[in-house]
Amino acid sequence: MRLKKGSLFAPAAVFAVALFLGGLLLPAHAAAAVYSPPYADFGCSVFNNWDSRPKCDYAKAQVSSAGYTGFSNSYLTASTMMSGSYAQSDAIWGIFGHAGPGGINMTADGANWSAVYSDPTHAPGGNCGAPNACLSSYASSQILHRVRFMLFGGCETAKRNATGHYELQEAAKADGVDSSIGFSTLITTGNQLSTWTNSFFYWSTVHGQNVLAAATSAEADVYNTPSYYHDYGGVQNSVVFGPTVVLKPAAYGN
């Protein structure tokens, strides 16, 4: 477990709370660590010709300049990224990696893979245990309800399934996450996603645009980057849940 820096709003926030009612021990609204300044975690991987660390570094730099405590995390497993020291303590959370409908991959060492899935139907053998994780596992506890924004930075993370559902983002919403962004098509180059990420977190956390406006501004910045020759690289196909959510000032979600 990494050593987190910063102070807790309340020491009791790190523990789950229970209420005794009518002779039954009933779990109250799940609680995780709440830090001041709020935490933001970004998970990235390196494999083959894909190095997502620049995206994590851009995101970390922008949110840190806006009052969050940002972390760029390399070579973690998906279950670690969803754990109490990471997603469950975060105001902002994101993963960059190879992906598809219902899941986004990470690699802890460049060889062994894990993924955050929307639900067990996408997990190998239906198993949501480590090193993988399923967003649906957190719906009943609502332990992610303080996450203000999630970014699923990979191909087709917002591609609708056969029944018309945006699986990762709908699962995040069911967990209590305020807003999220995924992409409905392939991301054809990593450079455009890097530029989009840097711009999105500038416009949202530094400048104060809402999530939808920041995504639109980031798309324009990619389009107007001379070296891209007006090629969006797929980032124009973002899908936004919670479009009016704002990420400035730095704060946890509701």
Foldseek 3Di string as FASTA:
>chain_A
DDDDDADFPDVCQCAWDWDQDPNDIHTDQGGATEGFQFEEEEEWEDADPDGCQLLLVLLQVLLVVLGHRYDYDYQAFAVVCVDRVHLLRHQEYEYAAAAAQFWGWHHNPRPDIEIEGQALVPPVVSDQDPPYHHLLVQLVNLSNQQHAEYEYHFAQCQAADPVGDSRNQVSVVSSNHQKYKDFRHHQQDPVLSSQLSNQLSCCFRVVWAFNQVSLVRSQVRSLPPVVCVSDNSRSVRMDMDNRRRGCPNPGTHD
